[in-house]
Protein backbone atom coordinates (compact mmCIF):
# COMPACT_ATOMS: atom_id res chain seq x y z
CA MET A 1 0.00 0.00 0.00
CA ILE A 2 1.32 3.37 -0.96
CA VAL A 3 0.94 6.19 1.48
CA ALA A 4 0.91 9.66 0.10
CA LYS A 5 2.66 12.34 2.07
CA SER A 6 0.39 15.05 3.12
CA ARG A 7 1.45 18.63 3.20
CA PRO A 8 1.56 20.38 6.57
CA SER A 9 -1.18 22.78 7.22
CA LEU A 10 -0.62 26.49 7.42
CA ALA A 11 -1.16 26.40 11.18
CA GLU A 12 1.48 23.70 11.60
CA VAL A 13 3.98 25.71 9.54
CA GLU A 14 3.28 28.84 11.57
CA HIS A 15 3.72 26.83 14.77
CA LEU A 16 7.11 25.44 13.52
CA ILE A 17 8.25 28.95 12.56
CA ALA A 18 7.26 30.32 15.97
CA SER A 19 9.13 27.55 17.83
CA GLU A 20 12.23 28.10 15.65
CA LYS A 21 12.08 31.85 16.32
CA ALA A 22 11.86 31.19 20.09
CA GLU A 23 14.81 28.82 19.93
CA LEU A 24 16.75 31.38 17.87
CA ALA A 25 16.00 34.08 20.47
CA GLN A 26 17.25 31.80 23.26
CA LEU A 27 20.46 31.09 21.30
CA ARG A 28 21.01 34.81 20.75
CA LYS A 29 20.60 35.49 24.50
CA ARG A 30 23.02 32.66 25.27
CA ARG A 31 25.55 34.01 22.74
CA GLU A 32 25.26 37.48 24.30
CA ALA A 33 25.82 36.07 27.80
CA LEU A 34 28.84 34.08 26.60
CA GLY A 35 30.21 37.21 24.92
CA GLU A 36 29.88 39.14 28.18
CA ALA A 37 31.57 36.33 30.11
CA ALA A 38 34.39 36.22 27.56
CA ALA A 39 34.82 40.00 27.85
CA ALA A 40 34.99 39.73 31.65
CA GLU A 41 37.58 36.93 31.37
CA GLU A 42 39.63 39.03 28.94
CA LYS A 43 39.50 42.00 31.33
CA GLY A 44 40.59 39.81 34.26
CA TYR A 45 43.42 38.38 32.14
CA LYS A 46 44.63 41.86 31.23
CA GLN A 47 44.55 42.93 34.89
CA LEU A 48 46.51 39.85 35.96
CA THR A 49 49.04 40.41 33.19
CA GLN A 50 49.53 44.03 34.29
CA ARG A 51 49.91 42.92 37.92
CA ARG A 52 52.47 40.27 36.90
CA ASP A 53 54.47 42.86 34.98
CA THR A 54 54.38 45.25 37.95
CA LEU A 55 55.51 42.53 40.35
CA ALA A 56 58.27 41.47 37.95
CA ALA A 57 59.52 45.05 37.85
CA GLN A 58 59.46 45.27 41.65
CA LEU A 59 61.29 41.95 41.88
CA GLY A 60 63.94 43.27 39.53
CA GLU A 61 64.37 46.36 41.69
CA LEU A 62 64.68 44.23 44.84
CA ALA A 63 67.21 41.95 43.14
CA ALA A 64 69.28 44.97 42.16
CA GLU A 65 69.07 46.32 45.70
CA LEU A 66 70.13 42.95 47.13
CA ALA A 67 73.03 42.76 44.70
CA GLN A 68 74.11 46.22 45.80
CA LEU A 69 73.88 45.23 49.47
CA ARG A 70 75.83 42.03 48.81
CA GLY A 71 78.53 44.09 47.18
CA GLN A 72 78.74 46.23 50.31
CA ALA A 73 78.72 43.21 52.62
CA GLY A 74 81.63 41.38 51.04
CA ARG A 75 79.57 39.57 48.41
CA ARG A 76 78.44 36.81 50.75
CA THR A 77 75.29 35.30 49.29
CA VAL A 78 72.80 32.96 50.90
CA LYS A 79 74.25 30.06 48.89
CA THR A 80 77.81 30.70 50.03
CA ALA A 81 76.66 31.15 53.62
CA LYS A 82 74.93 27.75 53.50
CA LYS A 83 78.02 26.15 51.96
CA ALA A 84 80.24 27.71 54.62
CA ALA A 85 77.97 26.42 57.37
CA GLY A 86 78.45 22.86 56.15
CA ARG A 87 82.22 22.81 56.04
CA PRO A 88 84.70 23.09 58.90
CA LYS A 89 86.37 26.38 59.67
CA ARG A 90 89.86 26.88 58.33
CA ARG A 91 92.63 26.82 60.88
CA ARG A 92 95.35 29.39 61.04
CA GLN A 93 98.74 28.19 59.88
CA GLY A 94 101.05 26.92 62.60
CA LYS A 95 98.29 25.68 64.88
CA GLY A 96 98.08 21.97 65.55
CA THR A 97 94.87 20.04 65.09
CA LEU A 98 92.88 18.65 67.96
CA ARG A 99 93.65 15.15 66.72
CA ASP A 100 97.40 15.86 66.83
CA ALA A 101 97.18 17.27 70.35
CA VAL A 102 95.17 14.29 71.61
CA SER A 103 97.62 11.91 69.92
CA LYS A 104 100.56 13.55 71.71
CA ILE A 105 98.77 13.33 75.07
CA LEU A 106 97.88 9.65 74.61
CA ALA A 107 101.41 8.83 73.40
CA GLY A 108 102.93 10.57 76.42
CA ALA A 109 100.55 8.97 78.90
CA GLY A 110 101.54 5.41 78.08
CA LYS A 111 98.13 4.16 79.27
CA PRO A 112 94.52 4.53 78.09
CA LEU A 113 92.80 7.75 79.16
CA ARG A 114 89.24 9.01 79.48
CA ALA A 115 87.97 12.16 77.73
CA PRO A 116 87.90 14.35 80.91
CA GLU A 117 91.54 13.41 81.64
CA ILE A 118 92.52 14.30 78.07
CA VAL A 119 90.69 17.66 78.34
CA ALA A 120 92.54 18.46 81.58
CA GLN A 121 95.89 17.72 79.95
CA LEU A 122 94.93 19.71 76.82
CA LYS A 123 94.18 22.76 78.97
CA ALA A 124 97.41 22.25 80.90
CA SER A 125 99.39 22.12 77.66
CA GLY A 126 97.88 25.44 76.52
CA TYR A 127 95.52 24.16 73.85
CA LYS A 128 92.66 26.65 73.46
CA THR A 129 89.15 25.88 72.30
CA LYS A 130 85.92 27.84 72.03
CA SER A 131 83.83 24.75 72.67
CA LYS A 132 81.24 25.02 75.42
CA ASP A 133 81.57 21.28 76.09
CA PRO A 134 85.16 20.18 75.40
CA VAL A 135 84.61 16.71 76.91
CA SER A 136 81.94 15.94 74.28
CA MET A 137 84.18 17.35 71.58
CA ILE A 138 87.07 15.10 72.66
CA SER A 139 84.75 12.08 72.99
CA ALA A 140 83.50 12.62 69.45
CA THR A 141 87.05 12.99 68.13
CA LEU A 142 88.14 9.80 69.87
CA ALA A 143 85.14 7.83 68.59
CA GLN A 144 85.25 9.07 64.99
CA THR A 145 88.96 9.04 64.26
CA LYS A 146 90.82 5.88 63.26
CA ASP A 147 93.96 7.11 65.05
CA PHE A 148 92.42 6.10 68.38
CA ARG A 149 91.31 2.71 69.62
CA ARG A 150 88.65 2.11 72.25
CA VAL A 151 90.00 -0.15 74.98
CA SER A 152 86.83 -0.26 77.07
CA ARG A 153 83.86 1.99 77.69
CA GLY A 154 85.18 5.57 77.73
CA LEU A 155 88.88 4.52 77.65
CA TYR A 156 90.93 5.26 74.57
CA THR A 157 94.50 4.72 73.49
CA LEU A 158 96.47 5.30 70.31
CA ALA A 159 95.85 2.87 67.47
CA LYS A 160 98.86 0.94 66.19
CA SER A 161 99.03 2.98 62.98
CA ALA A 162 99.05 6.22 64.98
CA ARG A 163 101.81 4.91 67.28
CA ALA A 164 103.96 4.23 64.24
CA LYS A 165 103.43 7.82 63.10
CA GLN A 166 104.41 9.14 66.55
CA GLU A 167 107.68 7.19 66.57
């Protein structure tokens, strides 16, 4: 069976046109709102860009000021200060090391000594230190250096290799 297509009535066409016009009006309103939102985003972007440029200029000025101050303060930067904090201080020429002084004391004693005894002999020999706790400093030196051998708890003597150096 063949079905013939019927033509829409004038009322149906007018109804379709009205619905399309309403949809078109809604799309135009939506496009206008999106345009306004895009304009607001563009304005915010421009403001942020200007703020970034201002802050970059201020940062440049501060960097120049810091460089000038570093030049006046002997060019010591934060990096070099951190590096210096991690390494031991340089000794003045002609001064013996703590390890050498302790080695001489232990070699002269002929018997194992404790850290407080070594500190007393160091002070008697004229060795100067700025340490607030010289006993701990000596204990650490004795424990960490291979020139000394632990005989028993808290007692140390010269290691054989250090004795050979002393002789």
